[in-house]
């Protein structure tokens, strides 16, 4: 048989144009991959640098909490042969102190913890310390005592790295010329390295330690009590005492200071009698407390420091007694003790509601205490609401609990052996507190 030689094969070669196009596309893909890998490497380095900076920050914080390091750098001869560094207190806003290093301890010969121009961390060798500087001096209000920023800057990172910042307390020698006062002490703000906290929860005398001429006082007055055991449709929780944190105060070394800790206001609550209600145990009849009208709370008293030579150094008033208002009549649901007069309605009270204000120059009428004029250091008010629901209603609080206003609890209770009524339990306000930090 004769072969068909006219059949066309469906096969052709690859042109040079197609080869070049394929090579170009491959180059684009490879360039994109290389760019992506480079970007990922940069991101990895940036993360490594950030982690290294955080580790360094923790290390520095732990070191600076011990005041001996900062004191050795600034206040002594240890790392500065010419003596304590000085600052110009007449131009404090322009004052700076620049260091070449921070040492690992306050001992002579201690190695550097960090140094300008050196690697910030072995994990990020490209990140260098570029500057160690004390700046932004601000007076605390106590003469010759300042809050200062210690800023540690960096260079050489993949991205610009924000400085590490620490707040420092610096005290200078007040007997030296104002233009060049040597630094006496340096401590990380809030650290407890060489600082001492005296805590007072009861009234007593305190002798100022030798060489202590100033300190920082944290204080709260006593909280007011809640009100309302006689009212079935309204309650008022207690107001807190005034409070302040780290208020600067001057002292006279060796002087005896009277530390008064404010007492919380007394809350009068219904009491459980020995009379069983008709259902039997554990139900008892509740009666009204003696010695109180049940219409208003009682105030807390002031916390204060009094110096025999300088008078009152600081005072935080107690919270005033919570006041019940908005009551129309004395007819309604029975209350503990079956007092003639649980109330209904929401108008103006026809009775003379007691207004038991706290005593002192910084008290407020039916409100929280303060620690100075213009409501400086004012506390928090308790709630004043209409509510028949059972539960606990919080008084005005303080950040540390001391000096908080009294809570008010509410529940159903037996007011006779067979009758359910309302029991409202105004709690005592909490006593105040005084902390004195010196170093």
Protein backbone atom coordinates (compact mmCIF):
# COMPACT_ATOMS: atom_id res chain seq x y z
CA UNK A 1 0.00 0.00 0.00
CA UNK A 2 1.26 3.49 -0.83
CA UNK A 3 1.80 5.89 2.12
CA UNK A 4 -0.03 9.25 2.15
CA UNK A 5 2.73 11.81 2.07
CA UNK A 6 0.34 14.78 1.86
CA UNK A 7 -0.88 14.63 5.52
CA UNK A 8 0.09 17.83 7.47
CA UNK A 9 1.53 17.40 10.94
CA UNK A 10 0.05 19.74 13.65
CA UNK A 11 3.47 20.53 15.04
CA UNK A 12 5.41 23.79 14.89
CA UNK A 13 8.46 25.32 16.61
CA UNK A 14 8.64 28.06 19.32
CA UNK A 15 9.47 31.51 18.04
CA UNK A 16 12.14 33.78 19.56
CA UNK A 17 9.44 36.30 20.50
CA UNK A 18 7.66 33.76 22.64
CA UNK A 19 10.93 32.79 24.33
CA UNK A 20 11.62 36.42 25.18
CA UNK A 21 8.09 36.93 26.51
CA UNK A 22 8.36 33.88 28.75
CA UNK A 23 11.74 35.02 30.05
CA UNK A 24 10.33 38.48 30.78
CA UNK A 25 7.42 37.07 32.71
CA UNK A 26 9.75 34.82 34.67
CA UNK A 27 11.93 37.83 35.53
CA UNK A 28 8.91 39.78 36.77
CA UNK A 29 7.80 36.87 38.95
CA UNK A 30 11.32 36.39 40.36
CA UNK A 31 11.61 40.14 41.07
CA UNK A 32 8.28 40.11 42.93
CA UNK A 33 9.38 37.09 44.97
CA UNK A 34 12.71 38.74 45.79
CA UNK A 35 10.96 41.96 46.79
CA UNK A 36 8.53 40.04 48.98
CA UNK A 37 11.36 38.13 50.66
CA UNK A 38 13.26 41.36 51.28
CA UNK A 39 10.14 42.95 52.78
CA UNK A 40 9.60 39.94 55.02
CA UNK A 41 13.21 40.07 56.17
CA UNK A 42 12.83 43.77 57.01
CA UNK A 43 9.63 43.09 58.91
CA UNK A 44 11.32 40.29 60.83
CA UNK A 45 14.22 42.60 61.71
CA UNK A 46 11.81 45.34 62.78
CA UNK A 47 9.96 42.93 65.08
CA UNK A 48 13.27 41.68 66.49
CA UNK A 49 14.35 45.27 67.19
CA UNK A 50 11.07 46.07 68.92
CA UNK A 51 11.32 42.97 71.12
CA UNK A 52 14.95 43.85 71.91
CA UNK A 53 13.87 47.36 72.90
CA UNK A 54 11.12 45.99 75.18
CA UNK A 55 13.61 43.63 76.84
CA UNK A 56 16.00 46.54 77.37
CA UNK A 57 13.20 48.65 78.83
CA UNK A 58 12.39 45.93 81.39
CA UNK A 59 16.08 45.59 82.26
CA UNK A 60 16.49 49.35 82.72
CA UNK A 61 13.32 49.60 84.81
CA UNK A 62 14.55 46.90 87.18
CA UNK A 63 17.96 48.57 87.44
CA UNK A 64 16.68 52.11 87.96
CA UNK A 65 14.25 51.00 90.66
CA UNK A 66 17.38 50.76 92.82
CA UNK A 67 18.21 54.41 93.45
CA UNK A 68 21.92 53.63 93.95
CA UNK A 69 22.51 53.53 90.16
CA UNK A 70 20.95 56.90 89.37
CA UNK A 71 22.54 58.40 92.50
CA UNK A 72 25.97 57.10 91.46
CA UNK A 73 25.53 58.56 87.97
CA UNK A 74 24.28 61.99 89.06
CA UNK A 75 24.72 62.63 92.77
CA UNK A 76 28.11 61.22 93.67
CA UNK A 77 31.73 60.77 92.69
CA UNK A 78 31.38 57.15 91.61
CA UNK A 79 31.14 57.75 87.87
CA UNK A 80 31.88 61.48 87.74
CA UNK A 81 35.26 62.41 89.27
CA UNK A 82 34.37 66.11 89.42
CA UNK A 83 31.51 65.46 91.85
CA UNK A 84 27.73 65.62 91.77
CA UNK A 85 26.24 67.04 88.63
CA UNK A 86 24.61 70.43 88.99
CA UNK A 87 21.55 72.04 87.45
CA UNK A 88 20.55 75.64 86.92
CA UNK A 89 17.30 76.06 88.85
CA UNK A 90 16.85 79.62 87.54
CA UNK A 91 16.25 78.28 84.02
CA UNK A 92 14.84 74.84 84.71
CA UNK A 93 12.89 74.48 81.44
CA UNK A 94 16.13 74.59 79.41
CA UNK A 95 18.02 72.24 81.74
CA UNK A 96 19.41 68.96 80.37
CA UNK A 97 21.96 66.41 81.56
CA UNK A 98 23.52 64.14 78.95
CA UNK A 99 25.32 60.92 79.86
CA UNK A 100 27.56 58.65 77.84
CA UNK A 101 26.43 55.52 79.68
CA UNK A 102 24.30 53.98 82.41
CA UNK A 103 26.03 51.42 84.61
CA UNK A 104 24.70 48.06 85.74
CA UNK A 105 25.02 48.96 89.43
CA UNK A 106 26.06 51.84 91.67
CA UNK A 107 29.34 50.19 92.64
CA UNK A 108 32.66 51.56 91.46
CA UNK A 109 33.93 49.66 88.41
CA UNK A 110 30.48 48.35 87.46
CA UNK A 111 30.16 47.52 83.74
CA UNK A 112 27.99 49.53 81.42
CA UNK A 113 24.38 48.52 81.14
CA UNK A 114 24.06 50.67 78.02
CA UNK A 115 26.42 53.16 76.35
CA UNK A 116 26.08 55.67 73.54
CA UNK A 117 27.24 54.18 70.22
CA UNK A 118 27.03 50.59 71.46
CA UNK A 119 24.56 47.87 70.56
CA UNK A 120 21.28 48.14 72.43
CA UNK A 121 20.82 44.35 72.52
CA UNK A 122 22.73 41.27 71.30
CA UNK A 123 19.50 40.20 69.57
CA UNK A 124 19.47 43.33 67.39
CA UNK A 125 23.13 44.20 66.65
CA UNK A 126 22.20 46.90 64.12
CA UNK A 127 20.24 48.90 66.76
CA UNK A 128 22.55 51.36 68.56
CA UNK A 129 22.05 53.65 71.56
CA UNK A 130 22.34 57.21 70.22
CA UNK A 131 21.59 59.38 73.28
CA UNK A 132 21.05 59.15 77.06
CA UNK A 133 19.62 62.40 78.36
CA UNK A 134 17.74 63.84 81.34
CA UNK A 135 15.38 66.57 80.14
CA UNK A 136 11.98 68.22 80.62
CA UNK A 137 12.57 69.20 84.25
CA UNK A 138 9.27 70.08 85.99
CA UNK A 139 8.90 71.28 89.58
CA UNK A 140 6.82 69.04 91.84
CA UNK A 141 5.70 72.04 93.88
CA UNK A 142 8.14 71.09 96.62
CA UNK A 143 11.19 73.39 96.48
CA UNK A 144 14.26 71.83 94.83
CA UNK A 145 12.42 68.65 93.88
CA UNK A 146 11.73 67.86 90.22
CA UNK A 147 10.13 65.27 87.96
CA UNK A 148 12.44 64.61 84.99
CA UNK A 149 12.29 62.56 81.79
CA UNK A 150 15.12 60.11 81.23
CA UNK A 151 15.04 59.49 77.47
CA UNK A 152 17.16 56.82 75.75
CA UNK A 153 17.22 57.20 71.96
CA UNK A 154 18.27 54.73 69.25
CA UNK A 155 19.62 54.76 65.70
CA UNK A 156 20.41 52.21 62.99
CA UNK A 157 17.18 50.28 63.08
CA UNK A 158 15.13 49.18 60.13
CA UNK A 159 12.53 51.73 61.14
CA UNK A 160 12.68 54.82 63.31
CA UNK A 161 12.54 53.65 66.93
CA UNK A 162 10.83 55.73 69.59
CA UNK A 163 12.94 56.54 72.68
CA UNK A 164 12.49 54.68 75.94
CA UNK A 165 11.19 57.08 78.59
CA UNK A 166 11.35 56.92 82.38
CA UNK A 167 10.03 59.46 84.87
CA UNK A 168 12.60 60.28 87.55
CA UNK A 169 12.52 62.16 90.85
CA UNK A 170 15.51 64.45 91.36
CA UNK A 171 16.29 66.50 94.48
CA UNK A 172 18.98 69.19 94.58
CA UNK A 173 20.90 70.88 97.40
CA UNK A 174 18.94 74.02 98.38
CA UNK A 175 21.95 75.54 100.17
CA UNK A 176 24.00 75.86 96.95
CA UNK A 177 23.72 78.82 94.53
CA UNK A 178 20.51 78.66 92.48
CA UNK A 179 22.44 78.63 89.21
CA UNK A 180 24.43 75.49 90.07
CA UNK A 181 22.77 73.26 92.63
CA UNK A 182 24.28 69.78 93.01
CA UNK A 183 21.92 66.80 92.73
CA UNK A 184 21.38 65.14 96.10
CA UNK A 185 19.32 62.13 95.05
CA UNK A 186 17.79 60.50 92.00
CA UNK A 187 15.14 57.77 91.93
CA UNK A 188 12.85 56.25 89.34
CA UNK A 189 9.40 57.75 89.92
CA UNK A 190 7.13 55.27 91.68
CA UNK A 191 10.01 52.89 92.46
CA UNK A 192 10.53 51.65 95.98
CA UNK A 193 14.28 51.17 95.87
CA UNK A 194 15.39 53.69 98.48
CA UNK A 195 11.99 55.19 99.21
CA UNK A 196 9.91 54.45 102.30
CA UNK A 197 6.14 54.40 102.57
CA UNK A 198 4.54 55.08 105.94
CA UNK A 199 0.93 53.79 106.05
CA UNK A 200 -1.58 55.17 108.57
CA UNK A 201 -5.03 53.64 109.03
CA UNK A 202 -5.55 55.10 112.53
CA UNK A 203 -4.89 58.53 114.02
CA UNK A 204 -1.42 58.85 115.56
CA UNK A 205 1.73 60.99 115.77
CA UNK A 206 4.59 60.58 113.30
CA UNK A 207 8.12 61.86 113.72
CA UNK A 208 9.67 63.09 110.47
CA UNK A 209 12.88 61.10 109.83
CA UNK A 210 16.22 62.89 109.97
CA UNK A 211 17.25 64.66 106.74
CA UNK A 212 13.73 64.35 105.29
CA UNK A 213 12.53 67.78 104.21
CA UNK A 214 9.77 66.80 101.80
CA UNK A 215 7.66 63.87 100.66
CA UNK A 216 4.60 62.82 98.71
CA UNK A 217 1.29 62.24 100.48
CA UNK A 218 -1.60 60.08 99.30
CA UNK A 219 -4.73 60.65 101.38
CA UNK A 220 -8.48 60.01 101.61
CA UNK A 221 -11.06 61.39 104.02
CA UNK A 222 -13.70 59.15 105.59
CA UNK A 223 -16.71 58.16 103.48
CA UNK A 224 -20.28 59.13 104.39
CA UNK A 225 -22.86 56.47 105.21
CA UNK A 226 -25.84 55.49 103.12
CA UNK A 227 -29.41 56.42 104.03
CA UNK A 228 -32.95 55.18 103.66
CA UNK A 229 -33.95 52.42 106.09
CA UNK A 230 -37.23 54.27 106.62
CA UNK A 231 -37.98 54.85 102.92
CA UNK A 232 -39.48 52.06 100.82
CA UNK A 233 -39.33 53.67 97.37
CA UNK A 234 -36.07 55.63 97.51
CA UNK A 235 -32.49 55.20 98.66
CA UNK A 236 -29.27 57.19 98.78
CA UNK A 237 -25.82 55.58 98.88
CA UNK A 238 -22.95 57.29 100.72
CA UNK A 239 -20.55 59.86 99.26
CA UNK A 240 -16.81 59.22 99.35
CA UNK A 241 -14.24 61.37 101.10
CA UNK A 242 -11.93 63.57 99.07
CA UNK A 243 -8.68 61.95 97.89
CA UNK A 244 -5.34 62.83 96.28
CA UNK A 245 -2.32 60.90 95.01
CA UNK A 246 1.32 61.90 95.61
CA UNK A 247 0.65 65.45 96.77
CA UNK A 248 4.01 67.18 97.51
CA UNK A 249 4.44 68.33 101.12
CA UNK A 250 7.33 70.01 102.96
CA UNK A 251 8.47 68.69 106.35
CA UNK A 252 10.80 69.75 109.15
CA UNK A 253 13.21 66.91 110.05
CA UNK A 254 12.61 65.58 113.57
CA UNK A 255 9.25 67.37 113.97
CA UNK A 256 6.26 65.49 115.37
CA UNK A 257 3.38 65.52 112.88
CA UNK A 258 -0.19 64.74 113.93
CA UNK A 259 -1.65 62.29 111.41
CA UNK A 260 -5.45 62.23 111.57
CA UNK A 261 -7.21 59.45 109.68
CA UNK A 262 -10.85 60.26 108.89
CA UNK A 263 -13.57 57.97 110.19
CA UNK A 264 -16.41 56.70 108.04
CA UNK A 265 -19.96 57.84 108.79
CA UNK A 266 -22.18 55.49 110.78
CA UNK A 267 -24.92 53.68 108.90
CA UNK A 268 -28.04 52.82 110.93
CA UNK A 269 -29.69 49.61 109.78
CA UNK A 270 -32.77 47.64 110.85
CA UNK A 271 -31.99 44.82 113.23
CA UNK A 272 -33.27 41.30 113.49
CA UNK A 273 -35.39 40.80 116.60
CA UNK A 274 -35.84 37.54 118.45
CA UNK A 275 -39.48 37.40 117.30
CA UNK A 276 -40.12 34.69 114.74
CA UNK A 277 -42.32 35.45 111.77
CA UNK A 278 -45.37 33.24 111.25
CA UNK A 279 -43.63 30.96 108.71
CA UNK A 280 -41.11 30.11 111.41
CA UNK A 281 -37.29 29.78 111.14
CA UNK A 282 -35.28 31.21 109.51
CA UNK A 283 -37.69 34.15 109.21
CA UNK A 284 -37.61 36.85 111.89
CA UNK A 285 -39.27 40.19 112.38
CA UNK A 286 -37.04 43.21 111.76
CA UNK A 287 -37.22 46.44 113.72
CA UNK A 288 -35.95 49.97 113.18
CA UNK A 289 -32.64 51.02 114.79
CA UNK A 290 -32.68 53.29 117.81
CA UNK A 291 -31.31 56.84 117.70
CA UNK A 292 -31.89 57.64 114.02
CA UNK A 293 -34.73 59.11 111.98
CA UNK A 294 -33.94 57.01 108.90
CA UNK A 295 -34.09 59.99 106.55
CA UNK A 296 -30.44 60.85 105.93
CA UNK A 297 -26.89 59.49 106.11
CA UNK A 298 -24.06 60.58 108.39
CA UNK A 299 -20.80 62.25 107.34
CA UNK A 300 -17.25 60.99 107.43
CA UNK A 301 -14.52 63.08 109.03
CA UNK A 302 -11.39 64.67 107.58
CA UNK A 303 -7.98 63.08 107.18
CA UNK A 304 -5.15 65.58 107.62
CA UNK A 305 -1.52 66.26 108.51
CA UNK A 306 -0.84 69.01 111.05
CA UNK A 307 2.63 70.40 111.73
CA UNK A 308 3.28 72.33 114.99
CA UNK A 309 5.37 74.87 113.07
CA UNK A 310 3.52 75.10 109.72
CA UNK A 311 -0.09 74.26 110.61
CA UNK A 312 -2.24 72.04 108.39
CA UNK A 313 -0.09 70.62 105.59
CA UNK A 314 -2.88 68.77 103.78
CA UNK A 315 -6.52 67.97 104.52
CA UNK A 316 -9.09 65.82 102.72
CA UNK A 317 -12.66 66.26 103.97
CA UNK A 318 -15.01 63.39 104.61
CA UNK A 319 -18.09 62.74 102.52
CA UNK A 320 -21.28 64.44 103.73
CA UNK A 321 -24.31 62.43 104.81
CA UNK A 322 -26.43 61.22 101.91
CA UNK A 323 -29.77 63.06 101.75
CA UNK A 324 -33.13 61.55 100.87
CA UNK A 325 -35.32 63.79 98.68
CA UNK A 326 -38.35 63.65 96.42
CA UNK A 327 -40.79 62.09 98.92
CA UNK A 328 -44.44 63.16 99.03
CA UNK A 329 -45.94 61.55 102.08
CA UNK A 330 -45.56 59.19 104.99
CA UNK A 331 -48.21 56.73 103.84
CA UNK A 332 -47.35 53.62 101.94
CA UNK A 333 -45.70 50.23 102.17
CA UNK A 334 -44.52 49.27 105.61
CA UNK A 335 -40.84 49.34 106.43
CA UNK A 336 -38.73 47.62 109.05
CA UNK A 337 -40.21 48.18 112.49
CA UNK A 338 -43.60 48.89 110.91
CA UNK A 339 -42.78 52.58 111.17
CA UNK A 340 -45.73 54.74 110.27
CA UNK A 341 -44.35 56.16 107.16
CA UNK A 342 -42.84 54.28 104.31
CA UNK A 343 -43.35 56.59 101.38
CA UNK A 344 -44.91 56.77 97.96
CA UNK A 345 -44.78 59.40 95.24
CA UNK A 346 -42.01 61.52 93.81
CA UNK A 347 -42.63 65.18 94.60
CA UNK A 348 -40.85 67.56 96.96
CA UNK A 349 -40.52 66.31 100.52
CA UNK A 350 -42.93 67.94 102.97
CA UNK A 351 -40.67 66.98 105.87
CA UNK A 352 -37.41 68.67 106.80
CA UNK A 353 -34.90 66.20 105.42
CA UNK A 354 -31.69 66.32 107.48
CA UNK A 355 -28.62 67.69 105.74
CA UNK A 356 -25.68 66.35 107.70
CA UNK A 357 -22.67 68.00 106.07
CA UNK A 358 -19.13 66.94 106.87
CA UNK A 359 -17.10 69.35 109.01
CA UNK A 360 -14.08 71.09 107.53
CA UNK A 361 -13.08 73.77 105.02
CA UNK A 362 -13.36 71.41 102.01
CA UNK A 363 -16.66 69.66 102.69
CA UNK A 364 -19.59 69.89 100.27
CA UNK A 365 -23.30 69.95 101.04
CA UNK A 366 -24.78 66.49 100.52
CA UNK A 367 -21.81 65.46 98.41
CA UNK A 368 -18.29 64.03 98.45
CA UNK A 369 -15.39 65.66 100.27
CA UNK A 370 -12.52 67.53 98.64
CA UNK A 371 -8.87 68.15 99.53
CA UNK A 372 -8.60 71.84 98.75
CA UNK A 373 -10.45 74.85 97.35
CA UNK A 374 -12.24 74.73 94.01
CA UNK A 375 -13.01 71.02 94.47
CA UNK A 376 -9.35 70.02 94.27
CA UNK A 377 -9.15 66.31 95.05
CA UNK A 378 -12.93 65.90 95.14
CA UNK A 379 -14.30 62.40 95.69
CA UNK A 380 -17.25 60.60 94.09
CA UNK A 381 -20.95 60.87 94.89
CA UNK A 382 -23.16 57.94 95.81
CA UNK A 383 -26.32 57.22 93.85
CA UNK A 384 -29.70 58.70 94.81
CA UNK A 385 -32.52 56.80 93.10
CA UNK A 386 -36.06 55.48 93.35
CA UNK A 387 -35.85 51.71 93.54
CA UNK A 388 -37.91 48.98 95.12
CA UNK A 389 -35.70 46.19 93.80
CA UNK A 390 -33.70 43.97 96.10
CA UNK A 391 -29.94 44.23 95.69
CA UNK A 392 -26.87 46.22 96.71
CA UNK A 393 -26.34 49.80 95.57
CA UNK A 394 -22.77 51.09 95.68
CA UNK A 395 -21.63 54.23 97.41
CA UNK A 396 -19.17 56.67 95.86
CA UNK A 397 -15.82 54.92 95.52
CA UNK A 398 -12.17 55.91 95.73
CA UNK A 399 -9.46 54.24 93.64
CA UNK A 400 -7.98 52.44 96.64
CA UNK A 401 -11.18 51.65 98.58
CA UNK A 402 -10.31 53.64 101.71
CA UNK A 403 -12.73 56.52 102.18
CA UNK A 404 -15.47 55.05 99.96
CA UNK A 405 -19.10 55.89 100.73
CA UNK A 406 -21.37 53.36 102.38
CA UNK A 407 -23.35 50.94 100.22
CA UNK A 408 -27.10 50.45 100.60
CA UNK A 409 -28.72 47.01 100.54
CA UNK A 410 -32.41 46.36 100.02
CA UNK A 411 -34.59 43.28 100.48
CA UNK A 412 -38.03 42.17 101.56
CA UNK A 413 -38.42 41.42 105.26
CA UNK A 414 -41.06 40.72 107.88
CA UNK A 415 -42.17 43.87 109.69
CA UNK A 416 -44.69 41.99 111.81
CA UNK A 417 -45.06 38.28 112.35
CA UNK A 418 -47.37 38.09 109.33
CA UNK A 419 -46.58 41.12 107.15
CA UNK A 420 -43.88 41.48 104.52
CA UNK A 421 -42.37 44.95 104.14
CA UNK A 422 -39.09 46.54 103.03
CA UNK A 423 -35.71 46.41 104.77
CA UNK A 424 -33.10 48.92 103.64
CA UNK A 425 -29.57 48.56 105.05
CA UNK A 426 -27.35 51.68 104.80
CA UNK A 427 -23.77 50.63 105.50
CA UNK A 428 -21.02 52.60 107.23
CA UNK A 429 -18.74 54.73 105.15
CA UNK A 430 -15.18 53.38 105.00
CA UNK A 431 -12.45 54.98 107.06
CA UNK A 432 -9.88 57.09 105.22
CA UNK A 433 -6.14 56.53 104.93
CA UNK A 434 -2.83 58.40 104.80
CA UNK A 435 0.30 57.26 102.92
CA UNK A 436 3.53 59.24 103.26
CA UNK A 437 6.36 58.48 100.78
CA UNK A 438 9.80 59.79 101.63
CA UNK A 439 13.29 59.04 100.29
